[in-house]
Amino acid sequence: MKEIQSLQIEDIAQASIQQYQLQPTEQLQSRSNSNCIAFVLVGSILLDLDSHTLPIMSSKQMLFIKALTPYRIRAQDKTVLMLIDTGSFSLPYQVLFMDKPPLDRGNMGEPILKFTPLITHFAATLKAAMVHDFSNTDYINIKVNELFFLINSSYTARQRSNFFWGGQSSDRIFFSFVIHTYKKAGNVKTLAKMASYSLSGFEKRFKKVFNTSPAQWFKDRKASDIYMEVCDAVKSFKEISVEYGFCSPAHFNVFCKARLGDTPGKLRQEVLLGLHLAQKEK
């Protein structure tokens, strides 16, 4: 395997673009620290993604690899592959077809997209940039942002759904669904309904994936979210209290003392004092 060209910054949190030349039967095995998009520019590959073997990908096709997902790429013939690691870029909301990942894998296609003319042109500009070694943070970040924009404008909602979620295991999809949706649902019963599960079926699946009951997870997550809101010092205590459904500031105070160890005022004061002391020590 030969890495023929690369655009990257030493900081692993930054985006990077790498191009590989693989000989027949050669393999590339890894696990990306962040979301990654693979372009097959020449040749064809067989890819194992999160214990799921995908159909053979041929030239002018691309695939999304979610952060921390193990993968193995096997070249079927002479292949040129481009890996675009998005670094600290969050997956933009607008590229998803709805506010939660789909749970019914049976209705999903494979997570592979064929190049459109816009994506073909985009890949060509990246190859040209590699020739001139444009290893500039701003340039690479702009190109990553441009790619998400092109995906959003070049493919249908269903195609984007398959691309970003179709390669994940059913447990990973369920996990992502819960994390994306629990605040909107507000309680276990509503979340189960949104997931098209019976309550008992949802509780069983939840326990398998999260290793705790949904009721306990909701309680712990609520406490964690409130603690973050209190410490961020962006919202007033009244705003937080209303947002999380407390009937009065007194009830909010009781919750904080019971679950977080102190009143919201003292918790925020401790955090602000800690930040002040840390700045003085610099």
Protein backbone atom coordinates (compact mmCIF):
# COMPACT_ATOMS: atom_id res chain seq x y z
CA MET A 1 0.00 0.00 0.00
CA LYS A 2 1.28 3.41 -0.89
CA GLU A 3 0.02 6.70 0.48
CA ILE A 4 0.67 8.79 -2.59
CA GLN A 5 -0.49 12.21 -1.41
CA SER A 6 -1.80 13.85 1.73
CA LEU A 7 -3.21 17.15 2.95
CA GLN A 8 -3.22 17.20 6.74
CA ILE A 9 -2.28 19.15 9.83
CA GLU A 10 -0.37 17.55 12.70
CA ASP A 11 -3.22 18.23 15.17
CA ILE A 12 -5.46 15.10 15.03
CA ALA A 13 -8.53 17.27 15.76
CA GLN A 14 -8.05 18.93 12.38
CA ALA A 15 -9.51 17.64 9.16
CA SER A 16 -7.25 15.80 6.74
CA ILE A 17 -7.36 14.44 3.20
CA GLN A 18 -5.29 11.39 2.26
CA GLN A 19 -4.98 9.51 -1.00
CA TYR A 20 -3.87 5.86 -1.21
CA GLN A 21 -2.86 3.61 -4.07
CA LEU A 22 -3.70 -0.05 -3.39
CA GLN A 23 -2.61 -3.10 -5.33
CA PRO A 24 -5.03 -6.03 -5.85
CA THR A 25 -5.79 -7.86 -2.54
CA GLU A 26 -4.01 -5.15 -0.52
CA GLN A 27 -5.83 -4.06 2.63
CA LEU A 28 -6.24 -0.86 4.62
CA GLN A 29 -7.51 -1.51 8.15
CA SER A 30 -8.10 1.20 10.74
CA ARG A 31 -10.58 3.05 12.92
CA SER A 32 -11.13 6.75 12.30
CA ASN A 33 -11.11 9.10 15.30
CA SER A 34 -13.71 11.26 13.58
CA ASN A 35 -16.30 11.04 10.82
CA CYS A 36 -14.68 10.06 7.52
CA ILE A 37 -15.82 9.92 3.89
CA ALA A 38 -14.14 7.49 1.50
CA PHE A 39 -13.93 8.22 -2.25
CA VAL A 40 -13.11 5.42 -4.69
CA LEU A 41 -11.43 7.31 -7.55
CA VAL A 42 -10.08 4.35 -9.54
CA GLY A 43 -10.65 0.59 -9.26
CA SER A 44 -12.93 -1.17 -6.78
CA ILE A 45 -12.93 -2.23 -3.12
CA LEU A 46 -14.69 -4.59 -0.74
CA LEU A 47 -15.31 -2.99 2.65
CA ASP A 48 -16.13 -4.41 6.07
CA LEU A 49 -17.76 -1.69 8.17
CA ASP A 50 -18.72 -2.23 11.80
CA SER A 51 -18.94 -6.05 11.28
CA HIS A 52 -21.08 -5.51 8.18
CA THR A 53 -19.70 -6.43 4.73
CA LEU A 54 -20.90 -4.04 2.03
CA PRO A 55 -21.29 -4.70 -1.71
CA ILE A 56 -18.27 -4.04 -3.90
CA MET A 57 -17.69 -0.31 -4.40
CA SER A 58 -16.43 0.77 -7.80
CA SER A 59 -14.87 3.99 -9.07
CA LYS A 60 -16.78 7.25 -8.63
CA GLN A 61 -18.58 6.05 -5.52
CA MET A 62 -18.28 7.23 -1.92
CA LEU A 63 -19.12 5.95 1.54
CA PHE A 64 -19.50 7.50 5.01
CA ILE A 65 -17.59 6.00 7.98
CA LYS A 66 -18.84 7.17 11.36
CA ALA A 67 -16.31 8.15 14.04
CA LEU A 68 -14.77 5.26 16.01
CA THR A 69 -16.15 2.66 13.59
CA PRO A 70 -13.61 -0.07 12.75
CA TYR A 71 -13.24 -0.75 9.03
CA ARG A 72 -11.23 -2.89 6.63
CA ILE A 73 -10.82 -2.00 2.96
CA ARG A 74 -9.71 -4.71 0.50
CA ALA A 75 -8.71 -3.70 -3.01
CA GLN A 76 -10.23 -5.85 -5.75
CA ASP A 77 -7.90 -4.47 -8.41
CA LYS A 78 -5.54 -1.50 -8.77
CA THR A 79 -7.31 1.14 -6.72
CA VAL A 80 -6.90 4.82 -5.88
CA LEU A 81 -8.75 5.73 -2.70
CA MET A 82 -9.25 9.13 -1.05
CA LEU A 83 -10.10 9.37 2.66
CA ILE A 84 -11.51 12.67 3.92
CA ASP A 85 -11.29 12.79 7.71
CA THR A 86 -13.60 15.58 8.91
CA GLY A 87 -11.66 16.14 12.15
CA SER A 88 -13.61 18.13 14.73
CA PHE A 89 -16.36 19.03 12.23
CA SER A 90 -19.76 18.02 13.56
CA LEU A 91 -22.10 16.38 11.09
CA PRO A 92 -24.24 19.29 9.85
CA TYR A 93 -27.90 18.88 10.69
CA GLN A 94 -29.07 19.86 7.22
CA VAL A 95 -27.48 16.81 5.57
CA LEU A 96 -29.76 14.49 7.54
CA PHE A 97 -33.19 13.73 6.17
CA MET A 98 -34.95 14.20 9.52
CA ASP A 99 -34.26 15.02 13.15
CA LYS A 100 -33.42 11.44 14.10
CA PRO A 101 -31.69 8.48 12.42
CA PRO A 102 -33.97 5.80 10.98
CA LEU A 103 -34.52 2.70 13.07
CA ASP A 104 -35.93 0.34 10.45
CA ARG A 105 -32.81 -0.98 8.77
CA GLY A 106 -34.89 -3.24 6.54
CA ASN A 107 -36.19 -0.24 4.60
CA MET A 108 -32.72 1.22 4.10
CA GLY A 109 -30.42 0.88 1.13
CA GLU A 110 -26.65 0.51 1.32
CA PRO A 111 -24.66 3.55 2.50
CA ILE A 112 -23.02 4.13 -0.89
CA LEU A 113 -23.52 7.13 -3.18
CA LYS A 114 -22.51 7.46 -6.82
CA PHE A 115 -20.68 10.64 -7.73
CA THR A 116 -22.77 13.41 -9.22
CA PRO A 117 -21.06 15.86 -11.63
CA LEU A 118 -20.58 18.25 -8.70
CA ILE A 119 -18.90 15.59 -6.55
CA THR A 120 -16.73 14.51 -9.51
CA HIS A 121 -15.55 18.09 -9.94
CA PHE A 122 -14.97 18.40 -6.17
CA ALA A 123 -12.77 15.28 -6.16
CA ALA A 124 -10.79 16.64 -9.11
CA THR A 125 -10.09 19.91 -7.26
CA LEU A 126 -8.82 17.96 -4.25
CA LYS A 127 -6.45 15.94 -6.44
CA ALA A 128 -5.13 19.17 -7.95
CA ALA A 129 -4.68 20.68 -4.47
CA MET A 130 -2.63 17.65 -3.41
CA VAL A 131 -0.28 18.14 -6.32
CA HIS A 132 0.41 21.66 -5.02
CA ASP A 133 0.48 20.53 -1.34
CA PHE A 134 -2.17 22.94 -0.03
CA SER A 135 -1.68 21.77 3.58
CA ASN A 136 -3.46 24.78 5.02
CA THR A 137 -5.94 24.45 7.89
CA ASP A 138 -8.41 26.99 6.52
CA TYR A 139 -8.35 25.48 3.03
CA ILE A 140 -8.94 21.92 4.25
CA ASN A 141 -11.77 23.02 6.57
CA ILE A 142 -13.40 24.95 3.73
CA LYS A 143 -13.26 21.87 1.50
CA VAL A 144 -14.81 19.65 4.18
CA ASN A 145 -17.60 22.18 4.70
CA GLU A 146 -18.06 22.39 0.92
CA LEU A 147 -18.40 18.62 0.68
CA PHE A 148 -21.24 18.55 3.23
CA PHE A 149 -22.93 21.37 1.30
CA LEU A 150 -22.60 19.46 -1.99
CA ILE A 151 -24.01 16.28 -0.45
CA ASN A 152 -26.96 18.24 0.88
CA SER A 153 -27.69 19.80 -2.52
CA SER A 154 -26.86 16.82 -4.77
CA TYR A 155 -28.83 13.95 -3.25
CA THR A 156 -32.36 13.23 -2.10
CA ALA A 157 -33.35 12.98 1.56
CA ARG A 158 -33.57 9.18 1.33
CA GLN A 159 -30.13 8.94 -0.31
CA ARG A 160 -28.62 11.08 2.45
CA SER A 161 -30.33 8.93 5.07
CA ASN A 162 -28.88 5.72 3.63
CA PHE A 163 -25.46 7.31 3.25
CA PHE A 164 -25.09 8.58 6.80
CA TRP A 165 -26.87 5.79 8.67
CA GLY A 166 -27.05 2.70 6.45
CA GLY A 167 -23.58 1.40 7.28
CA GLN A 168 -24.07 1.36 11.03
CA SER A 169 -25.04 -1.63 13.15
CA SER A 170 -28.63 -1.69 14.41
CA ASP A 171 -27.43 -1.10 18.00
CA ARG A 172 -25.38 1.91 16.93
CA ILE A 173 -28.39 3.32 15.06
CA PHE A 174 -30.59 2.80 18.13
CA PHE A 175 -27.99 4.53 20.32
CA SER A 176 -27.81 7.49 17.94
CA PHE A 177 -31.60 7.69 17.79
CA VAL A 178 -31.87 7.96 21.57
CA ILE A 179 -29.11 10.57 21.87
CA HIS A 180 -30.63 12.70 19.08
CA THR A 181 -34.24 12.40 20.27
CA TYR A 182 -34.54 12.02 24.04
CA LYS A 183 -34.85 15.76 24.74
CA LYS A 184 -37.61 16.17 22.19
CA ALA A 185 -39.45 13.13 23.57
CA GLY A 186 -39.13 14.18 27.20
CA ASN A 187 -40.07 10.79 28.65
CA VAL A 188 -39.65 7.07 28.04
CA LYS A 189 -43.18 6.42 26.81
CA THR A 190 -43.02 9.13 24.13
CA LEU A 191 -39.54 8.07 23.06
CA ALA A 192 -40.73 4.47 22.62
CA LYS A 193 -43.64 5.70 20.50
CA MET A 194 -41.33 7.84 18.34
CA ALA A 195 -39.17 4.76 17.81
CA SER A 196 -42.26 2.72 16.80
CA TYR A 197 -41.73 0.27 19.68
CA SER A 198 -44.10 -1.05 22.30
CA LEU A 199 -43.07 0.20 25.73
CA SER A 200 -41.93 -3.26 26.85
CA GLY A 201 -40.03 -3.84 23.59
CA PHE A 202 -38.33 -0.47 23.86
CA GLU A 203 -37.28 -1.08 27.47
CA LYS A 204 -35.79 -4.44 26.52
CA ARG A 205 -33.85 -3.01 23.56
CA PHE A 206 -32.72 -0.01 25.62
CA LYS A 207 -31.35 -2.22 28.41
CA LYS A 208 -29.41 -4.25 25.83
CA VAL A 209 -27.77 -1.19 24.25
CA PHE A 210 -27.29 1.09 27.30
CA ASN A 211 -26.95 -1.54 30.04
CA THR A 212 -29.47 0.31 32.23
CA SER A 213 -33.20 0.91 32.26
CA PRO A 214 -34.54 3.83 30.20
CA ALA A 215 -36.19 5.31 33.31
CA GLN A 216 -32.90 5.39 35.20
CA TRP A 217 -31.03 6.67 32.14
CA PHE A 218 -33.51 9.53 31.74
CA LYS A 219 -33.06 10.51 35.40
CA ASP A 220 -29.27 10.45 35.15
CA ARG A 221 -29.25 12.27 31.80
CA LYS A 222 -31.59 14.97 33.10
CA ALA A 223 -29.32 15.57 36.08
CA SER A 224 -26.26 15.68 33.82
CA ASP A 225 -27.89 18.08 31.36
CA ILE A 226 -29.07 20.39 34.13
CA TYR A 227 -25.61 20.41 35.71
CA MET A 228 -24.10 21.44 32.37
CA GLU A 229 -26.69 24.21 31.94
CA VAL A 230 -26.04 25.51 35.46
CA CYS A 231 -22.26 25.47 35.01
CA ASP A 232 -22.37 27.09 31.55
CA ALA A 233 -23.83 30.23 33.15
CA VAL A 234 -25.58 31.14 29.89
CA LYS A 235 -29.21 30.73 31.01
CA SER A 236 -30.82 32.05 34.17
CA PHE A 237 -31.94 29.54 36.77
CA LYS A 238 -35.54 30.45 36.00
CA GLU A 239 -35.02 29.62 32.30
CA ILE A 240 -33.45 26.27 33.17
CA SER A 241 -36.21 25.51 35.65
CA VAL A 242 -38.95 26.17 33.09
CA GLU A 243 -37.13 24.32 30.30
CA TYR A 244 -36.87 21.13 32.37
CA GLY A 245 -40.45 21.23 33.63
CA PHE A 246 -40.04 22.23 37.28
CA CYS A 247 -43.19 23.79 38.71
CA SER A 248 -41.28 26.34 40.81
CA PRO A 249 -37.75 27.56 41.62
CA ALA A 250 -38.08 25.85 45.00
CA HIS A 251 -38.62 22.45 43.35
CA PHE A 252 -35.63 23.14 41.08
CA ASN A 253 -33.46 23.89 44.13
CA VAL A 254 -34.60 20.69 45.85
CA PHE A 255 -33.73 18.66 42.74
CA CYS A 256 -30.26 20.20 42.49
CA LYS A 257 -29.48 19.57 46.15
CA ALA A 258 -30.71 15.98 45.95
CA ARG A 259 -29.15 14.99 42.59
CA LEU A 260 -26.21 17.40 42.18
CA GLY A 261 -25.18 17.96 45.80
CA ASP A 262 -25.95 21.67 46.22
CA THR A 263 -28.17 24.54 45.13
CA PRO A 264 -27.78 25.83 41.54
CA GLY A 265 -26.45 29.14 42.85
CA LYS A 266 -23.63 27.50 44.80
CA LEU A 267 -22.82 25.10 41.96
CA ARG A 268 -22.46 27.96 39.50
CA GLN A 269 -20.48 30.00 41.99
CA GLU A 270 -18.00 27.16 42.50
CA VAL A 271 -17.46 26.80 38.76
CA LEU A 272 -16.99 30.53 38.19
CA LEU A 273 -14.58 30.72 41.13
CA GLY A 274 -12.59 27.81 39.72
CA LEU A 275 -12.36 29.52 36.33
CA HIS A 276 -11.23 32.75 37.98
CA LEU A 277 -8.48 31.00 39.95
CA ALA A 278 -7.32 29.12 36.85
CA GLN A 279 -6.99 32.37 34.92
CA LYS A 280 -5.00 33.98 37.74
CA GLU A 281 -2.53 31.09 37.71
CA LYS A 282 -1.77 31.53 34.00
